[in-house]
Structure formats: C-alpha cells, structure tokens
Amino acid sequence: MDTGSGRIGIIDIGSNSIRLVVYSGPERVPAVLFNEKVMAGLGRGLSQNGAIDPEAMERALAALARFRLLADQIGVAQLRTVATAAVREASNGHLLLDRLVALGFAPELLSGDEEAQMAGYGVISAMPEADGIVGDLGGGSLELVRVADGKVHERASFPLGVLRIAALRAKRPGMIDREVGRMLEKAGWEHKCAGQPFYLVGGSWRSLARLDMHLSDYALPIVHNYAMSPESAQRLVRVLAHIAPKKLREMGGLSSSRIPNLSDAAHLLAALVKQLDPTSLVVSANGLREGLLFESLPQRVRAQDPLICAAREMGAQLGRYSEHGDVLDRWIAPLFEGESAADQRLRHAASLLADIGWRAHPEFRAERGLEMALHGNWSGIDARGRGLLAHALYVNFGGTGCEAVVTQLCSAEDLARAERWGLALRLGQRLSAGVAIGLESSRIMIDDVRIRLELEPEQASLYGESVDRRLRALALAMGRNVELVVLQ
C-alpha cells in the first residue's frame, strides 16, 4: 500500500473495537487524515458460546457500512480491511465476512501469526531501534513478538485478550498468573524478555499508561514512547482495586469504553512481567495498522529515519526554503564534533525545523517552535529527545530562559547542549536569511579558543550588526572568543 500514490485506508476489525484510519502523505511517515472507532464488542460472547453475538454483529456491520461510505467520500484510493481474533475464532465469523463482501469489501482474515507480525512491524515503524518483545493486547488475543535489528523474529498468539481475562480471574485467586505462566512456558516464552524492554501495543495498555502518567504527575501528555518500570504493573493493579470508575472517568485522556477492562489489563500485564522479566515497559502508539503500512513498503523506504522524514516534511510545509534545513545542519556541524550519533540526529531534526515559526506572529515564534517539538506527532523520539528539540527551537526563535516542562524532561547538561544548538541555528538563519547560498559560501569552525566565521569576499557584506550579536551570543555560550575572516 503506497501512501505516495493517494489516500489509503485501513479498517481493523478487532475483538473489542472496529476502526477506520485514513492516511496520506510521505510513505515512511504518512499523516492521519481521519480516525474513528466503534466499540462493537465482537469478542464478548466468545467465551460463553463461541459465536459473535447477533447484536454485536449488527452494530459492527452498521459501523462498517458507514466506514465504506466515508472512505469513498474522502477519496480513498486503496482500502484494506482486516479481521483478527474474534472473527478468526467465532463459529459464525464467516457470516460476518460474507456480509462484508456483499457490502463491497474485500476482507482479509489474519492468522494469529500474521497479526503478531504486523504488530511487530508497527512498533519497528515508530521505533526503528526497538530490541525486545512486543505485546499486542486486543480484545480476543495477545500477540507476543520478538523484534530486533529492524526485523520481526519469533512470534506467538495466545488466547489472552482483555475480554477473556475477567472469566479467568473469576475462577479463583491467582488463576491469571497460573494460566499466563502455563501458556508461556508451553510456548517457550518464559523469561524471553530478560534484559530487554517490553513494548506495549493496544488501547487497554495505552489507557494503563495514561493512568500511570496521571499518578506520576508526568510532564508530557504523550503516551507514545512513555516508559514505565516493571514494578508499575503491580502498582496499577493495586490502584485499580481501590479507585472508583467515576474517579477514572474524571481523569483526562482515559477512554470511557476502556475503563471497564482496565483492571483486567493490569492483572494481565503484572502476570506477564513476572513471566517475561523485562527491564522496562515502553508504550507504542503504533501497532497492527501501522505495521500493515510498513510491511508493504520497499526496503529502501523502510530504512528511512521516521523522525528525519517527518521533520523534513514539516519544514518543507511551514518553512520558507525547503532545502535550507539540511544545508543549515551541515553548516553548524563543525561546532559539535564528538557528539553522539543520537544527539547528531536530534540536531539534524532541529535544523530541519528551524524555520517553521517564520509565519507565526513574531511574539509567539519561540512558543510555536517549543509546542511543535513537544507535542508534534513524531516517531523515533523519546521524551528527552522532545525536550532537547523543543529547547533548541525555542532558543532558535529567540526564546529566553527555559520552560518548566523542558526542565523536567532534560538534564542541565542536555539543556546547555540544546541552547548551543539553538544559538547556532539562530546565527545561521540570520546570516543567510534562510537562503542556502549564504551558508554555502561561508564556513564556521571552533577550536579551544575561538569560533571562527569565514566568508567569501563577495559575501562579506552579509556580516551585519545582527549577525555579529548572534555570533557573540553563541561564542559566549560555548566559552570562546570570536574571529571573523574574509577570505582572499
């Protein structure tokens, strides 16, 4: 499925919810144009009679008919419809698929292995460096996937969907721990995550993470890439045992449709932590749908860095000159030799975004850069990275001091580094007015004593008072003197 060739849509028919997402834009980082879910609950009756409840089926078909019409009206060029555990396991699942065909769909029934593989690809699409186990919790099943080196490895599907957990817990105390242990041991997954992160995929676990963020008074209201300690799972079990549903509904960001299953999801997570022994719990907003997109891409596109792709696209949309970000990054790079590859990457993203505030009101350009970095829909970046990017852009656009939220995400050393990035970007922007030629005909270097700016003779007039002020501000931040050289 190629987002570069038009709008594409994915309909995901899950055991708990049915969702339509429409994408458009760059293949590696497509933007979401539309997103709607309906909690049809197709898997709720499976544990009793093995069939989809007729009322749930009609609710699902009504939602799918709406989605079909919306996709046509939005102009979706490619529509992929996939069904997972509930339809796969229900004795009457074929009836739903037949009716979908009559509605004009071409439904695909994913096997447990395929579902697991797509969940793994979904995490890799957003976290290319992911190295651990992915756990994709749906209503009817739990998929576990080993990911490393940008690839999906071993995978397994277990009948441990969130809609099944209540029945297990009701049998007797400790039943969920025993069943999870038995299933994982039989499949060879016991302690499979030792020394590695456990990546959480699925709406129920995202809701648990939002609850943990609330309890921790976390500074950044973005669940993707949020990391919890393994002990958080048992803490959430205890909290949910003593908190009323009404209190949960009053918390921002918690879906009311997920609240009834939160305790079951927490018990399952706690049981999995005991058996898998992970180092941390990391939330991924990307899952099966994003995995379907990623799996269809050519290898050359998969290999692209999602953060850099997204920053370049945003810079091209909101900046003045689309080529300037890459040129600016190369221009300031000599000032920061010796930085880690991870920090070089963040600095590159900041360079690509260094012009996005130009069309904002002059009084709010710094805030625009800060907000875009902190709250933008970025992949391949954690909370520290967002903080570094935010402070660099804030300084680049003339912001002074440091916003409180950023100080909670970054160390003092990080903030000093980001300030130097921002001042270097600010200098390059002022020297060149955002046009590549001003940077391509100049050079900036640093040694133990000075920052040296070299200009070609025909560009010497670019060095005005405002450029001098910005060069001296950068030199002060880096503990250096200033040297200006006009080449002969």
Protein backbone atom coordinates (compact mmCIF):
# COMPACT_ATOMS: atom_id res chain seq x y z
CA MET A 1 0.00 0.00 0.00
CA ASP A 2 1.64 3.19 -1.21
CA THR A 3 0.60 6.40 0.54
CA GLY A 4 2.55 8.30 -2.07
CA SER A 5 0.02 7.27 -4.72
CA GLY A 6 -3.06 8.61 -2.97
CA ARG A 7 -5.10 8.32 0.19
CA ILE A 8 -5.27 4.87 1.70
CA GLY A 9 -7.49 3.48 4.39
CA ILE A 10 -7.24 0.59 6.81
CA ILE A 11 -10.21 -0.91 8.58
CA ASP A 12 -9.22 -3.03 11.56
CA ILE A 13 -11.98 -5.36 12.77
CA GLY A 14 -10.87 -6.31 16.25
CA SER A 15 -12.45 -8.26 19.06
CA ASN A 16 -13.33 -5.12 21.02
CA SER A 17 -13.31 -2.24 18.54
CA ILE A 18 -13.59 -1.56 14.82
CA ARG A 19 -11.60 1.34 13.46
CA LEU A 20 -11.14 3.19 10.18
CA VAL A 21 -7.94 5.19 9.70
CA VAL A 22 -7.22 7.15 6.51
CA TYR A 23 -3.62 8.09 5.69
CA SER A 24 -1.96 10.37 3.18
CA GLY A 25 1.48 11.87 2.63
CA PRO A 26 5.05 10.57 2.61
CA GLU A 27 5.28 6.78 2.52
CA ARG A 28 7.51 6.48 5.58
CA VAL A 29 5.56 8.87 7.79
CA PRO A 30 2.02 9.22 6.44
CA ALA A 31 -0.30 11.66 8.16
CA VAL A 32 -3.64 10.56 9.59
CA LEU A 33 -6.49 12.35 7.82
CA PHE A 34 -9.33 10.57 9.60
CA ASN A 35 -9.64 8.20 12.56
CA GLU A 36 -12.83 6.76 14.02
CA LYS A 37 -13.57 3.71 16.14
CA VAL A 38 -16.73 1.93 17.23
CA MET A 39 -16.70 -0.36 20.26
CA ALA A 40 -18.67 -3.20 18.69
CA GLY A 41 -17.54 -5.88 21.15
CA LEU A 42 -17.46 -8.75 18.66
CA GLY A 43 -15.48 -10.90 21.09
CA ARG A 44 -17.67 -10.51 24.16
CA GLY A 45 -19.76 -13.65 23.64
CA LEU A 46 -17.00 -15.97 22.52
CA SER A 47 -16.14 -17.34 25.94
CA GLN A 48 -19.79 -18.34 26.52
CA ASN A 49 -20.89 -19.89 23.24
CA GLY A 50 -18.05 -19.48 20.75
CA ALA A 51 -20.05 -17.18 18.50
CA ILE A 52 -20.33 -13.46 17.77
CA ASP A 53 -23.42 -12.05 19.43
CA PRO A 54 -26.05 -11.10 16.80
CA GLU A 55 -26.46 -7.62 18.26
CA ALA A 56 -22.70 -7.05 18.17
CA MET A 57 -22.58 -8.26 14.59
CA GLU A 58 -25.28 -5.81 13.51
CA ARG A 59 -23.54 -2.97 15.34
CA ALA A 60 -20.32 -3.88 13.57
CA LEU A 61 -21.96 -4.05 10.14
CA ALA A 62 -23.63 -0.66 10.64
CA ALA A 63 -20.27 0.86 11.52
CA LEU A 64 -18.59 -0.81 8.57
CA ALA A 65 -21.25 0.43 6.15
CA ARG A 66 -20.57 3.96 7.42
CA PHE A 67 -16.84 3.43 7.03
CA ARG A 68 -17.29 2.18 3.47
CA LEU A 69 -19.25 5.32 2.52
CA LEU A 70 -16.82 7.63 4.33
CA ALA A 71 -13.85 6.05 2.57
CA ASP A 72 -15.49 6.67 -0.81
CA GLN A 73 -16.35 10.28 0.04
CA ILE A 74 -12.87 11.00 1.46
CA GLY A 75 -11.37 9.75 -1.79
CA VAL A 76 -9.56 6.67 -0.51
CA ALA A 77 -7.72 5.09 -3.41
CA GLN A 78 -6.81 1.88 -1.55
CA LEU A 79 -8.89 0.39 1.26
CA ARG A 80 -7.62 -2.63 3.18
CA THR A 81 -9.95 -4.39 5.59
CA VAL A 82 -8.55 -6.91 8.07
CA ALA A 83 -10.21 -9.01 10.76
CA THR A 84 -8.45 -10.55 13.74
CA ALA A 85 -9.07 -12.89 16.69
CA ALA A 86 -12.84 -12.60 17.25
CA VAL A 87 -13.76 -13.24 13.62
CA ARG A 88 -11.00 -15.84 13.30
CA GLU A 89 -12.27 -17.88 16.24
CA ALA A 90 -16.03 -17.36 16.15
CA SER A 91 -18.16 -20.17 14.78
CA ASN A 92 -20.16 -17.59 12.81
CA GLY A 93 -17.22 -15.41 11.81
CA HIS A 94 -17.62 -16.48 8.19
CA LEU A 95 -21.10 -14.94 8.16
CA LEU A 96 -19.65 -11.53 9.00
CA LEU A 97 -17.06 -11.90 6.26
CA ASP A 98 -19.74 -12.91 3.74
CA ARG A 99 -21.82 -9.87 4.56
CA LEU A 100 -18.77 -7.67 4.22
CA VAL A 101 -18.20 -8.99 0.71
CA ALA A 102 -21.83 -8.17 -0.09
CA LEU A 103 -21.15 -4.59 1.11
CA GLY A 104 -18.28 -4.26 -1.35
CA PHE A 105 -15.38 -5.05 0.97
CA ALA A 106 -12.50 -7.43 0.29
CA PRO A 107 -11.88 -8.58 3.89
CA GLU A 108 -8.70 -10.38 4.95
CA LEU A 109 -8.78 -12.76 7.89
CA LEU A 110 -5.39 -12.51 9.56
CA SER A 111 -3.95 -15.56 11.29
CA GLY A 112 -2.53 -15.19 14.77
CA ASP A 113 0.96 -15.32 13.29
CA GLU A 114 0.16 -12.59 10.74
CA GLU A 115 -1.44 -10.43 13.42
CA ALA A 116 1.66 -10.76 15.58
CA GLN A 117 3.96 -9.97 12.66
CA MET A 118 2.06 -6.78 11.80
CA ALA A 119 2.14 -5.63 15.43
CA GLY A 120 5.91 -6.12 15.42
CA TYR A 121 6.28 -4.14 12.22
CA GLY A 122 4.10 -1.41 13.72
CA VAL A 123 6.50 -0.94 16.64
CA ILE A 124 9.53 -1.01 14.34
CA SER A 125 7.94 1.64 12.13
CA ALA A 126 7.89 4.08 15.06
CA MET A 127 10.94 2.82 16.97
CA PRO A 128 13.50 1.53 14.45
CA GLU A 129 15.93 0.76 17.28
CA ALA A 130 13.40 -1.44 19.16
CA ASP A 131 15.06 -4.51 20.66
CA GLY A 132 12.85 -6.62 22.87
CA ILE A 133 9.39 -8.18 22.96
CA VAL A 134 6.23 -6.57 21.60
CA GLY A 135 2.98 -7.41 23.37
CA ASP A 136 -0.12 -6.52 21.35
CA LEU A 137 -3.20 -6.80 23.55
CA GLY A 138 -6.53 -6.97 21.77
CA GLY A 139 -9.96 -7.99 22.91
CA GLY A 140 -9.61 -11.62 21.90
CA SER A 141 -5.91 -12.37 21.86
CA LEU A 142 -2.42 -11.38 22.97
CA GLU A 143 0.35 -11.45 20.40
CA LEU A 144 3.99 -11.63 21.52
CA VAL A 145 6.70 -10.75 19.01
CA ARG A 146 10.50 -10.62 19.20
CA VAL A 147 11.85 -7.57 17.38
CA ALA A 148 15.50 -6.59 16.81
CA ASP A 149 17.65 -5.01 14.11
CA GLY A 150 14.59 -3.60 12.37
CA LYS A 151 13.16 -7.08 11.82
CA VAL A 152 10.41 -9.30 13.21
CA HIS A 153 11.59 -12.62 14.61
CA GLU A 154 9.76 -15.23 16.71
CA ARG A 155 6.10 -14.60 17.35
CA ALA A 156 3.17 -16.28 19.05
CA SER A 157 -0.53 -15.69 19.65
CA PHE A 158 -2.27 -16.51 22.94
CA PRO A 159 -6.00 -16.55 23.86
CA LEU A 160 -5.41 -13.85 26.47
CA GLY A 161 -7.35 -10.91 25.05
CA VAL A 162 -8.64 -8.38 27.54
CA LEU A 163 -12.22 -9.62 27.09
CA ARG A 164 -11.18 -13.11 28.28
CA ILE A 165 -9.31 -12.09 31.43
CA ALA A 166 -12.34 -11.45 33.63
CA ALA A 167 -13.50 -15.05 33.19
CA LEU A 168 -10.06 -16.36 34.15
CA ARG A 169 -9.86 -14.13 37.21
CA ALA A 170 -13.32 -15.21 38.31
CA LYS A 171 -12.36 -18.89 38.57
CA ARG A 172 -10.13 -18.48 41.61
CA PRO A 173 -7.46 -16.15 43.02
CA GLY A 174 -4.17 -16.35 41.18
CA MET A 175 -5.67 -18.08 38.17
CA ILE A 176 -4.43 -15.46 35.71
CA ASP A 177 -0.83 -15.86 36.96
CA ARG A 178 -1.02 -19.64 36.60
CA GLU A 179 -2.59 -19.57 33.14
CA VAL A 180 -0.16 -17.00 31.78
CA GLY A 181 2.75 -18.97 33.24
CA ARG A 182 1.47 -22.25 31.79
CA MET A 183 0.89 -20.80 28.31
CA LEU A 184 4.21 -19.01 28.10
CA GLU A 185 6.19 -21.98 29.42
CA LYS A 186 4.50 -24.34 26.95
CA ALA A 187 5.29 -21.96 24.05
CA GLY A 188 8.89 -21.38 25.19
CA TRP A 189 8.37 -17.70 26.00
CA GLU A 190 9.17 -17.78 29.72
CA HIS A 191 11.79 -15.12 30.64
CA LYS A 192 12.01 -14.25 26.94
CA CYS A 193 12.27 -10.53 27.71
CA ALA A 194 15.01 -10.73 30.35
CA GLY A 195 17.33 -7.76 29.98
CA GLN A 196 15.16 -6.10 27.34
CA PRO A 197 12.13 -3.77 27.12
CA PHE A 198 8.57 -4.98 26.74
CA TYR A 199 6.75 -2.83 24.16
CA LEU A 200 3.05 -2.33 24.88
CA VAL A 201 0.60 -2.15 21.97
CA GLY A 202 -3.16 -1.80 22.24
CA GLY A 203 -5.77 0.59 23.59
CA SER A 204 -6.13 -1.05 27.00
CA TRP A 205 -2.43 -0.81 27.75
CA ARG A 206 -2.26 2.76 26.46
CA SER A 207 -5.02 3.58 28.94
CA LEU A 208 -2.99 1.97 31.73
CA ALA A 209 -0.04 4.11 30.73
CA ARG A 210 -2.19 7.25 30.85
CA LEU A 211 -3.26 6.31 34.35
CA ASP A 212 0.39 5.83 35.33
CA MET A 213 1.24 9.22 33.82
CA HIS A 214 -1.52 10.78 35.92
CA LEU A 215 -0.32 9.07 39.10
CA SER A 216 3.27 10.13 38.40
CA ASP A 217 2.33 13.73 37.51
CA TYR A 218 4.23 13.23 34.26
CA ALA A 219 5.10 16.46 32.44
CA LEU A 220 4.42 15.42 28.85
CA PRO A 221 0.88 14.31 27.88
CA ILE A 222 2.04 11.99 25.08
CA VAL A 223 1.71 8.26 25.63
CA HIS A 224 3.86 7.10 22.70
CA ASN A 225 7.32 6.06 23.92
CA TYR A 226 6.28 6.56 27.54
CA ALA A 227 8.37 4.24 29.70
CA MET A 228 7.31 2.63 32.97
CA SER A 229 9.23 0.46 35.38
CA PRO A 230 8.20 -3.21 35.56
CA GLU A 231 7.01 -2.57 39.12
CA SER A 232 4.41 -0.14 37.74
CA ALA A 233 2.25 -3.06 36.60
CA GLN A 234 1.64 -4.32 40.13
CA ARG A 235 1.20 -0.73 41.34
CA LEU A 236 -1.58 -0.23 38.78
CA VAL A 237 -3.27 -3.44 39.95
CA ARG A 238 -3.36 -2.05 43.50
CA VAL A 239 -4.58 1.38 42.42
CA LEU A 240 -7.38 -0.01 40.27
CA ALA A 241 -8.55 -2.23 43.12
CA HIS A 242 -9.31 0.88 45.21
CA ILE A 243 -10.37 3.55 42.73
CA ALA A 244 -13.97 4.09 41.62
CA PRO A 245 -14.85 4.11 37.90
CA LYS A 246 -16.27 7.60 38.36
CA LYS A 247 -12.88 8.83 39.53
CA LEU A 248 -11.23 7.24 36.49
CA ARG A 249 -13.71 8.94 34.16
CA GLU A 250 -12.73 12.30 35.64
CA MET A 251 -9.10 11.77 34.62
CA GLY A 252 -8.23 13.34 31.31
CA GLY A 253 -7.24 11.07 28.44
CA LEU A 254 -8.88 7.86 29.67
CA SER A 255 -11.39 6.42 27.21
CA SER A 256 -14.65 5.60 28.99
CA SER A 257 -15.00 2.49 26.83
CA ARG A 258 -11.68 1.16 28.14
CA ILE A 259 -12.29 1.77 31.85
CA PRO A 260 -14.34 -1.43 32.50
CA ASN A 261 -11.41 -3.57 31.31
CA LEU A 262 -8.55 -1.65 32.90
CA SER A 263 -8.22 -3.87 35.96
CA ASP A 264 -8.16 -6.99 33.79
CA ALA A 265 -5.49 -5.45 31.57
CA ALA A 266 -3.41 -4.51 34.61
CA HIS A 267 -3.62 -8.04 36.06
CA LEU A 268 -2.52 -9.50 32.72
CA LEU A 269 0.37 -7.06 32.48
CA ALA A 270 1.51 -7.86 36.01
CA ALA A 271 1.41 -11.58 35.22
CA LEU A 272 3.40 -11.07 32.03
CA VAL A 273 6.02 -9.01 33.85
CA LYS A 274 6.56 -11.90 36.25
CA GLN A 275 7.00 -14.38 33.41
CA LEU A 276 8.89 -12.27 30.85
CA ASP A 277 11.16 -10.36 33.27
CA PRO A 278 11.53 -7.13 31.20
CA THR A 279 13.75 -4.18 32.10
CA SER A 280 11.05 -1.61 31.27
CA LEU A 281 7.57 -1.20 29.80
CA VAL A 282 7.53 1.09 26.76
CA VAL A 283 4.29 2.18 25.11
CA SER A 284 3.90 2.25 21.34
CA ALA A 285 1.07 4.17 19.71
CA ASN A 286 1.80 2.24 16.51
CA GLY A 287 0.50 -1.26 16.12
CA LEU A 288 -1.19 -3.53 13.62
CA ARG A 289 -2.48 -0.83 11.25
CA GLU A 290 0.86 0.94 11.03
CA GLY A 291 2.50 -2.46 10.65
CA LEU A 292 0.35 -3.19 7.61
CA LEU A 293 1.55 0.06 6.06
CA PHE A 294 5.20 -0.51 6.96
CA GLU A 295 5.27 -4.12 5.76
CA SER A 296 4.11 -3.03 2.31
CA LEU A 297 6.94 -0.52 1.84
CA PRO A 298 10.07 -1.20 -0.20
CA GLN A 299 13.16 -1.84 1.91
CA ARG A 300 14.75 1.46 0.88
CA VAL A 301 11.75 3.34 2.33
CA ARG A 302 11.61 1.23 5.50
CA ALA A 303 15.25 2.13 6.13
CA GLN A 304 14.49 5.86 6.26
CA ASP A 305 14.60 7.56 9.67
CA PRO A 306 10.98 8.42 10.64
CA LEU A 307 11.95 11.46 12.71
CA ILE A 308 14.12 12.99 9.98
CA CYS A 309 11.49 12.24 7.31
CA ALA A 310 8.76 13.88 9.36
CA ALA A 311 10.90 16.89 10.28
CA ARG A 312 11.90 17.40 6.65
CA GLU A 313 8.25 17.22 5.56
CA MET A 314 7.15 19.66 8.26
CA GLY A 315 10.00 22.02 7.44
CA ALA A 316 9.06 21.98 3.77
CA GLN A 317 5.42 22.73 4.58
CA LEU A 318 5.97 25.55 7.07
CA GLY A 319 9.40 26.94 6.22
CA ARG A 320 10.41 29.41 3.54
CA TYR A 321 13.02 27.39 1.64
CA SER A 322 12.73 23.61 1.64
CA GLU A 323 16.44 22.89 1.11
CA HIS A 324 17.64 25.12 3.93
CA GLY A 325 17.36 22.66 6.84
CA ASP A 326 19.87 20.13 5.51
CA VAL A 327 22.27 22.89 4.48
CA LEU A 328 21.96 24.50 7.91
CA ASP A 329 22.67 21.20 9.65
CA ARG A 330 25.87 20.71 7.64
CA TRP A 331 26.91 24.32 8.29
CA ILE A 332 26.70 24.12 12.09
CA ALA A 333 28.05 20.54 12.34
CA PRO A 334 31.75 21.59 12.80
CA LEU A 335 30.78 23.27 16.06
CA PHE A 336 29.56 19.99 17.54
CA GLU A 337 32.09 17.34 16.56
CA GLY A 338 32.25 14.49 19.02
CA GLU A 339 28.52 14.39 19.80
CA SER A 340 26.85 11.01 19.90
CA ALA A 341 25.02 9.74 16.83
CA ALA A 342 21.75 10.06 18.75
CA ASP A 343 22.37 13.74 19.51
CA GLN A 344 23.56 14.43 15.96
CA ARG A 345 20.24 13.05 14.76
CA LEU A 346 18.27 15.32 17.09
CA ARG A 347 20.32 18.31 15.98
CA HIS A 348 19.57 17.43 12.36
CA ALA A 349 15.84 17.37 13.16
CA ALA A 350 16.15 20.77 14.85
CA SER A 351 17.87 22.16 11.74
CA LEU A 352 15.08 20.87 9.52
CA LEU A 353 12.52 22.57 11.78
CA ALA A 354 14.48 25.79 12.31
CA ASP A 355 12.22 27.83 10.01
CA ILE A 356 8.77 26.52 10.95
CA GLY A 357 7.93 29.53 13.14
CA TRP A 358 8.51 32.14 10.47
CA ARG A 359 4.84 32.52 9.55
CA ALA A 360 3.75 32.71 13.18
CA HIS A 361 3.21 36.02 14.95
CA PRO A 362 6.66 37.40 15.88
CA GLU A 363 5.75 37.47 19.57
CA PHE A 364 4.96 33.74 19.55
CA ARG A 365 7.55 32.16 17.26
CA ALA A 366 9.51 30.73 20.18
CA GLU A 367 6.35 29.23 21.65
CA ARG A 368 5.43 27.83 18.23
CA GLY A 369 8.75 26.00 17.98
CA LEU A 370 8.50 24.73 21.55
CA GLU A 371 4.95 23.46 21.12
CA MET A 372 5.67 21.80 17.79
CA ALA A 373 8.64 19.90 19.21
CA LEU A 374 6.94 18.83 22.42
CA HIS A 375 3.53 17.91 21.05
CA GLY A 376 4.13 17.12 17.39
CA ASN A 377 3.17 13.69 16.08
CA TRP A 378 6.77 12.48 15.89
CA SER A 379 8.06 8.93 15.70
CA GLY A 380 11.51 7.73 16.65
CA ILE A 381 11.94 10.14 19.56
CA ASP A 382 11.59 9.79 23.31
CA ALA A 383 10.72 12.37 25.97
CA ARG A 384 14.34 13.51 26.40
CA GLY A 385 14.62 13.94 22.65
CA ARG A 386 11.47 16.02 22.55
CA GLY A 387 12.84 18.20 25.32
CA LEU A 388 16.15 18.76 23.54
CA LEU A 389 14.39 19.53 20.27
CA ALA A 390 11.95 21.87 22.00
CA HIS A 391 14.61 23.90 23.79
CA ALA A 392 16.77 24.17 20.68
CA LEU A 393 13.85 25.54 18.65
CA TYR A 394 12.74 27.81 21.49
CA VAL A 395 16.20 29.41 21.60
CA ASN A 396 16.44 29.47 17.80
CA PHE A 397 13.28 31.58 17.66
CA GLY A 398 14.50 34.00 20.32
CA GLY A 399 13.08 32.45 23.47
CA THR A 400 14.85 33.25 26.74
CA GLY A 401 15.12 31.17 29.88
CA CYS A 402 13.74 27.64 29.85
CA GLU A 403 10.17 26.36 30.03
CA ALA A 404 9.39 24.31 33.14
CA VAL A 405 8.18 21.26 31.21
CA VAL A 406 11.51 21.01 29.41
CA THR A 407 13.48 21.08 32.66
CA GLN A 408 11.54 18.00 33.76
CA LEU A 409 12.47 16.09 30.62
CA CYS A 410 16.15 17.02 30.27
CA SER A 411 19.24 17.30 32.44
CA ALA A 412 21.10 20.58 32.88
CA GLU A 413 23.78 19.26 30.52
CA ASP A 414 21.13 18.47 27.90
CA LEU A 415 19.65 21.95 28.18
CA ALA A 416 23.06 23.59 27.75
CA ARG A 417 23.64 21.47 24.64
CA ALA A 418 20.24 22.35 23.20
CA GLU A 419 20.83 26.04 23.88
CA ARG A 420 24.07 25.91 21.90
CA TRP A 421 22.24 24.19 19.03
CA GLY A 422 19.55 26.87 19.11
CA LEU A 423 22.06 29.73 19.12
CA ALA A 424 23.97 28.17 16.22
CA LEU A 425 20.75 27.75 14.24
CA ARG A 426 19.77 31.32 15.06
CA LEU A 427 23.11 32.57 13.75
CA GLY A 428 22.85 30.57 10.54
CA GLN A 429 19.31 31.76 9.94
CA ARG A 430 20.27 35.42 10.41
CA LEU A 431 23.43 35.19 8.30
CA SER A 432 21.66 33.56 5.34
CA ALA A 433 18.08 34.89 5.66
CA GLY A 434 17.05 31.30 5.17
CA VAL A 435 18.65 31.04 1.70
CA ALA A 436 21.19 28.29 1.08
CA ILE A 437 23.78 30.40 -0.77
CA GLY A 438 24.71 32.43 2.32
CA LEU A 439 25.71 29.25 4.13
CA GLU A 440 27.29 27.52 1.17
CA SER A 441 29.68 30.46 0.69
CA SER A 442 30.69 30.63 4.35
CA ARG A 443 32.20 28.37 6.97
CA ILE A 444 32.14 28.21 10.76
CA MET A 445 34.74 26.42 12.89
CA ILE A 446 35.73 26.09 16.53
CA ASP A 447 38.92 25.42 18.44
CA ASP A 448 39.90 25.68 22.09
CA VAL A 449 40.00 29.49 21.97
CA ARG A 450 37.64 30.88 19.34
CA ILE A 451 34.75 30.43 17.00
CA ARG A 452 35.94 31.41 13.53
CA LEU A 453 33.48 32.55 10.84
CA GLU A 454 34.88 32.63 7.30
CA LEU A 455 33.16 34.48 4.44
CA GLU A 456 33.90 34.57 0.73
CA PRO A 457 34.77 38.13 -0.41
CA GLU A 458 31.57 38.55 -2.42
CA GLN A 459 29.54 37.59 0.67
CA ALA A 460 31.42 39.76 3.19
CA SER A 461 28.58 42.29 3.36
CA LEU A 462 26.37 39.65 4.93
CA TYR A 463 28.14 40.27 8.23
CA GLY A 464 25.97 42.96 9.76
CA GLU A 465 25.27 44.07 13.31
CA SER A 466 22.59 41.49 13.95
CA VAL A 467 24.86 38.70 12.71
CA ASP A 468 27.64 39.96 14.98
CA ARG A 469 25.31 39.91 18.00
CA ARG A 470 24.24 36.34 17.31
CA LEU A 471 27.79 35.13 16.72
CA ARG A 472 28.90 36.67 20.03
CA ALA A 473 25.95 35.12 21.87
CA LEU A 474 26.91 31.70 20.53
CA ALA A 475 30.58 32.22 21.38
CA LEU A 476 29.66 33.22 24.94
CA ALA A 477 27.54 30.10 25.38
CA MET A 478 30.43 27.96 24.13
CA GLY A 479 33.09 29.78 26.16
CA ARG A 480 35.01 31.06 23.13
CA ASN A 481 36.15 34.30 21.54
CA VAL A 482 35.06 35.47 18.09
CA GLU A 483 37.14 35.65 14.92
CA LEU A 484 35.81 36.91 11.58
CA VAL A 485 37.81 36.19 8.44
CA VAL A 486 37.07 37.41 4.92
CA LEU A 487 38.89 35.02 2.59
CA GLN A 488 41.17 36.43 -0.10
